[in-house]
Amino acid sequence: MTTVSWVTAFLDLPPDVHAAGTHFWSAVTGYAVSTPRGDHAEFTTLLPPVGDPYLKIQRTAAGDGESTAPGVHLDLHVTSAAESAARAEVLGAEVVHRSEHGYVVLRSPGGFVFCFVHEPLAQRPWPTRWPQAHESVVDQVCLDIPHDGYDDECTFWTELTGWPVRGSVRRPEFRHLVRPDGIPIRLLLQRLGEPATGQVRGHLDLACDDRPTETARHRGLGAVFVADHGAGWTTLRDPTGALYCITDRDPRSGLGR
């Protein structure tokens, strides 16, 4: 079994929306933006005031003269990227790239990109408390999985991480993996009403203790309201055009309230 000690969520932003997306997510989280790094200064990290970082941003390359769409991928922190990648291949993943820097890029059976990396991190940041006297935190990546591939993708992620999978009584289209204590990002698995030919995608979710106030704060920062689902979450669109959600989950435990 692969032991995942930390999870980092990466926002993959095309050049034309990179600056706007970076500014927005820095403001949403209250985290500072690190100095750029990488061969082309394409990587930055959102730095919480206390605790280890778990949100990063990558400026992606444009394809065929046009920008690719914004997206999300995961970094899974492990002791040995090579050994973890070999096990992931047995479970149905495809290796996309083995970096000279030691990390390995893969795709899940449903096509979702993730990486195995070595970086040891351990201190989970607490939610940010805002002047409006509420708290929020980005603490979840939702994998949006086409209908026909849902069971196989759920099996892959629980076998890869060793984390138990739990279903929802009220919303059978959702399952989540029970993350170990201290892991900053949990994984939600959503079954879409799309055929198996679609590719698994991902989006960020926030937990908060006052969803109307948090939603208003985001709209003031440039987010566009999409839908209020009433029983637990609101969907918005960030300035890059990407969808994300604000949920009623407890921002400290990540569990429903």
Protein backbone atom coordinates (compact mmCIF):
# COMPACT_ATOMS: atom_id res chain seq x y z
CA MET A 1 0.00 0.00 0.00
CA THR A 2 1.19 3.52 -0.81
CA THR A 3 1.43 5.68 2.32
CA VAL A 4 0.35 9.22 1.47
CA SER A 5 1.68 11.64 4.08
CA TRP A 6 0.37 14.90 2.54
CA VAL A 7 -1.78 16.09 -0.36
CA THR A 8 -1.19 19.27 -2.36
CA ALA A 9 -3.80 20.68 -4.74
CA PHE A 10 -2.40 22.35 -7.86
CA LEU A 11 -4.31 24.95 -9.86
CA ASP A 12 -3.23 24.66 -13.50
CA LEU A 13 -3.78 28.07 -15.10
CA PRO A 14 -3.22 29.05 -18.75
CA PRO A 15 -1.10 32.17 -19.37
CA ASP A 16 -4.02 34.44 -20.21
CA VAL A 17 -5.76 33.88 -16.84
CA HIS A 18 -2.76 33.03 -14.67
CA ALA A 19 -2.39 36.46 -13.06
CA ALA A 20 -6.12 36.85 -12.40
CA GLY A 21 -6.42 33.35 -10.96
CA THR A 22 -3.38 33.76 -8.74
CA HIS A 23 -4.67 37.06 -7.36
CA PHE A 24 -8.15 35.63 -6.75
CA TRP A 25 -7.08 32.49 -4.91
CA SER A 26 -4.57 34.40 -2.82
CA ALA A 27 -7.40 36.73 -1.75
CA VAL A 28 -9.88 33.87 -1.20
CA THR A 29 -7.50 31.99 1.09
CA GLY A 30 -5.71 34.95 2.68
CA TYR A 31 -2.40 33.31 1.72
CA ALA A 32 0.64 35.15 0.33
CA VAL A 33 2.09 34.20 -3.07
CA SER A 34 5.63 32.83 -3.09
CA THR A 35 8.42 33.89 -5.40
CA PRO A 36 8.04 32.05 -8.75
CA ARG A 37 10.27 29.04 -9.36
CA GLY A 38 10.85 26.42 -12.04
CA ASP A 39 12.71 26.45 -15.34
CA HIS A 40 10.27 29.03 -16.69
CA ALA A 41 9.16 30.57 -13.38
CA GLU A 42 5.91 28.68 -13.85
CA PHE A 43 5.33 27.53 -10.26
CA THR A 44 4.16 29.49 -7.22
CA THR A 45 2.90 28.45 -3.80
CA LEU A 46 0.15 29.97 -1.67
CA LEU A 47 1.75 30.43 1.75
CA PRO A 48 -0.48 30.19 4.84
CA PRO A 49 0.60 32.37 7.77
CA VAL A 50 0.87 29.26 9.98
CA GLY A 51 1.36 25.67 8.83
CA ASP A 52 2.77 24.01 5.75
CA PRO A 53 1.62 24.94 2.23
CA TYR A 54 -0.81 22.68 0.39
CA LEU A 55 -2.07 24.88 -2.47
CA LYS A 56 0.12 25.61 -5.47
CA ILE A 57 -0.32 27.23 -8.88
CA GLN A 58 1.21 26.24 -12.20
CA ARG A 59 1.22 28.44 -15.29
CA THR A 60 0.53 25.96 -18.07
CA ALA A 61 1.73 26.20 -21.66
CA ALA A 62 -0.62 27.28 -24.43
CA GLY A 63 -1.41 24.68 -27.06
CA ASP A 64 -1.63 25.32 -30.80
CA GLY A 65 -1.53 29.05 -30.25
CA GLU A 66 -4.45 29.00 -27.82
CA SER A 67 -4.67 28.65 -24.05
CA THR A 68 -5.74 25.38 -22.54
CA ALA A 69 -8.59 25.38 -20.03
CA PRO A 70 -7.85 25.86 -16.32
CA GLY A 71 -7.79 22.69 -14.27
CA VAL A 72 -6.73 20.99 -11.06
CA HIS A 73 -4.29 18.18 -10.34
CA LEU A 74 -3.03 16.54 -7.15
CA ASP A 75 0.42 15.97 -5.70
CA LEU A 76 0.52 12.92 -3.41
CA HIS A 77 3.49 13.09 -1.04
CA VAL A 78 5.16 9.70 -0.52
CA THR A 79 8.48 8.22 0.57
CA SER A 80 9.34 6.79 -2.85
CA ALA A 81 7.76 8.24 -5.99
CA ALA A 82 9.16 5.43 -8.14
CA GLU A 83 7.79 2.64 -5.95
CA SER A 84 4.42 4.36 -5.59
CA ALA A 85 4.20 4.87 -9.36
CA ALA A 86 4.91 1.19 -9.98
CA ARG A 87 2.08 0.22 -7.66
CA ALA A 88 -0.25 2.77 -9.27
CA GLU A 89 0.45 1.22 -12.68
CA VAL A 90 -0.62 -2.17 -11.33
CA LEU A 91 -3.87 -0.54 -10.19
CA GLY A 92 -4.52 0.87 -13.67
CA ALA A 93 -2.74 4.24 -13.76
CA GLU A 94 -0.61 5.41 -16.68
CA VAL A 95 2.79 7.06 -16.19
CA VAL A 96 2.98 10.27 -18.22
CA HIS A 97 6.40 11.61 -17.20
CA ARG A 98 9.30 10.68 -14.94
CA SER A 99 11.11 13.88 -13.97
CA GLU A 100 14.84 14.17 -13.43
CA HIS A 101 13.85 16.03 -10.25
CA GLY A 102 12.38 12.84 -8.79
CA TYR A 103 8.63 13.28 -9.17
CA VAL A 104 6.40 11.12 -11.39
CA VAL A 105 3.35 12.34 -13.32
CA LEU A 106 0.50 9.87 -13.88
CA ARG A 107 -3.10 9.61 -15.03
CA SER A 108 -5.76 7.68 -13.16
CA PRO A 109 -7.81 5.08 -15.09
CA GLY A 110 -10.34 7.85 -15.77
CA GLY A 111 -7.68 10.30 -16.99
CA PHE A 112 -7.20 12.52 -13.93
CA VAL A 113 -3.63 13.83 -13.62
CA PHE A 114 -1.74 13.40 -10.35
CA CYS A 115 1.88 13.31 -9.25
CA PHE A 116 3.95 11.44 -6.69
CA VAL A 117 6.42 13.76 -4.97
CA HIS A 118 8.93 13.45 -2.11
CA GLU A 119 8.47 16.76 -0.27
CA PRO A 120 7.90 16.02 3.47
CA LEU A 121 5.24 18.29 5.00
CA ALA A 122 3.25 17.76 8.18
CA GLN A 123 1.57 20.82 9.76
CA ARG A 124 -1.96 21.33 8.45
CA PRO A 125 -3.01 25.02 8.45
CA TRP A 126 -6.16 25.96 10.34
CA PRO A 127 -9.03 27.81 8.62
CA THR A 128 -8.74 31.54 8.06
CA ARG A 129 -10.89 33.70 10.33
CA TRP A 130 -12.29 36.70 8.45
CA PRO A 131 -13.34 40.18 9.69
CA GLN A 132 -16.97 39.12 9.23
CA ALA A 133 -16.36 36.72 12.17
CA HIS A 134 -16.58 33.48 10.19
CA GLU A 135 -14.04 30.88 9.09
CA SER A 136 -13.29 29.18 5.78
CA VAL A 137 -10.63 26.98 4.23
CA VAL A 138 -9.96 25.27 0.90
CA ASP A 139 -9.88 21.67 2.08
CA GLN A 140 -11.27 19.42 -0.66
CA VAL A 141 -10.75 18.42 -4.26
CA CYS A 142 -13.85 16.98 -5.87
CA LEU A 143 -13.20 14.51 -8.66
CA ASP A 144 -15.97 14.86 -11.26
CA ILE A 145 -16.31 11.36 -12.70
CA PRO A 146 -18.40 10.32 -15.73
CA HIS A 147 -21.19 7.95 -14.77
CA ASP A 148 -20.01 4.68 -16.31
CA GLY A 149 -16.48 4.88 -14.91
CA TYR A 150 -17.47 5.89 -11.39
CA ASP A 151 -17.10 2.61 -9.53
CA ASP A 152 -13.74 1.82 -11.13
CA GLU A 153 -12.36 5.28 -10.34
CA CYS A 154 -13.55 5.07 -6.72
CA THR A 155 -11.89 1.67 -6.35
CA PHE A 156 -8.65 3.00 -7.81
CA TRP A 157 -8.36 5.92 -5.39
CA THR A 158 -9.23 3.96 -2.27
CA GLU A 159 -6.80 1.16 -3.19
CA LEU A 160 -4.08 3.65 -4.13
CA THR A 161 -4.29 5.63 -0.88
CA GLY A 162 -5.54 2.92 1.46
CA TRP A 163 -8.15 5.39 2.73
CA PRO A 164 -11.64 3.98 3.39
CA VAL A 165 -14.42 5.14 1.11
CA ARG A 166 -17.72 6.37 2.55
CA GLY A 167 -21.00 6.97 0.72
CA SER A 168 -23.68 9.57 1.30
CA VAL A 169 -27.13 8.45 2.38
CA ARG A 170 -28.85 11.58 1.08
CA ARG A 171 -26.76 12.04 -2.08
CA PRO A 172 -25.86 8.65 -3.62
CA GLU A 173 -23.84 10.37 -6.36
CA PHE A 174 -21.20 11.32 -3.76
CA ARG A 175 -18.57 9.28 -1.94
CA HIS A 176 -15.53 10.54 -0.07
CA LEU A 177 -12.26 9.06 1.14
CA VAL A 178 -11.63 9.26 4.88
CA ARG A 179 -8.35 11.16 5.10
CA PRO A 180 -5.94 10.51 7.98
CA ASP A 181 -5.58 13.17 10.66
CA GLY A 182 -3.39 16.07 9.55
CA ILE A 183 -3.94 15.70 5.80
CA PRO A 184 -5.03 19.12 4.46
CA ILE A 185 -6.99 17.98 1.38
CA ARG A 186 -9.73 15.37 1.35
CA LEU A 187 -11.06 13.69 -1.81
CA LEU A 188 -14.72 13.81 -2.79
CA LEU A 189 -15.82 11.52 -5.63
CA GLN A 190 -18.84 12.78 -7.60
CA ARG A 191 -20.70 10.69 -10.16
CA LEU A 192 -21.74 12.82 -13.12
CA GLY A 193 -24.54 12.19 -15.57
CA GLU A 194 -22.01 11.82 -18.39
CA PRO A 195 -21.05 8.73 -20.44
CA ALA A 196 -17.83 6.76 -19.93
CA THR A 197 -16.16 8.58 -22.82
CA GLY A 198 -15.71 11.70 -20.65
CA GLN A 199 -12.49 12.36 -18.72
CA VAL A 200 -12.32 12.74 -14.94
CA ARG A 201 -11.88 16.38 -13.96
CA GLY A 202 -11.47 18.12 -10.64
CA HIS A 203 -12.50 21.27 -8.81
CA LEU A 204 -11.78 22.90 -5.45
CA ASP A 205 -14.23 23.06 -2.55
CA LEU A 206 -14.16 25.23 0.55
CA ALA A 207 -15.61 24.45 3.97
CA CYS A 208 -17.05 27.34 5.99
CA ASP A 209 -19.28 28.09 8.96
CA ASP A 210 -21.35 30.84 7.28
CA ARG A 211 -22.01 30.08 3.62
CA PRO A 212 -24.05 33.21 2.71
CA THR A 213 -21.38 35.51 4.14
CA GLU A 214 -18.56 33.53 2.55
CA THR A 215 -20.36 33.54 -0.81
CA ALA A 216 -20.79 37.31 -0.65
CA ARG A 217 -17.09 37.69 0.13
CA HIS A 218 -16.15 35.65 -2.94
CA ARG A 219 -18.48 37.62 -5.19
CA GLY A 220 -16.83 40.80 -3.94
CA LEU A 221 -13.49 39.35 -5.05
CA GLY A 222 -14.74 38.67 -8.58
CA ALA A 223 -16.43 35.26 -8.44
CA VAL A 224 -19.66 34.75 -10.40
CA PHE A 225 -22.63 33.03 -8.77
CA VAL A 226 -23.74 29.89 -10.63
CA ALA A 227 -26.18 27.99 -8.39
CA ASP A 228 -27.28 27.56 -4.80
CA HIS A 229 -27.96 23.90 -4.20
CA GLY A 230 -29.70 24.63 -0.92
CA ALA A 231 -28.79 21.46 0.94
CA GLY A 232 -25.16 22.13 1.58
CA TRP A 233 -23.30 24.01 -1.10
CA THR A 234 -23.11 26.91 -3.55
CA THR A 235 -21.38 26.75 -6.93
CA LEU A 236 -19.43 29.75 -8.27
CA ARG A 237 -17.12 30.50 -11.18
CA ASP A 238 -13.74 32.08 -10.50
CA PRO A 239 -12.18 34.78 -12.74
CA THR A 240 -10.42 32.09 -14.82
CA GLY A 241 -13.77 30.51 -15.72
CA ALA A 242 -13.31 27.47 -13.47
CA LEU A 243 -16.14 26.19 -11.29
CA TYR A 244 -15.70 25.61 -7.55
CA CYS A 245 -17.95 25.22 -4.51
CA ILE A 246 -18.47 26.68 -1.06
CA THR A 247 -19.90 24.08 1.32
CA ASP A 248 -21.48 23.97 4.76
CA ARG A 249 -18.96 21.40 6.01
CA ASP A 250 -17.23 22.19 9.28
CA PRO A 251 -14.03 24.09 8.35
CA ARG A 252 -12.05 22.38 11.13
CA SER A 253 -13.15 18.76 10.76
CA GLY A 254 -14.27 18.81 7.12
CA LEU A 255 -17.39 16.88 8.09
CA GLY A 256 -21.01 17.80 7.42
CA ARG A 257 -22.87 19.77 10.09
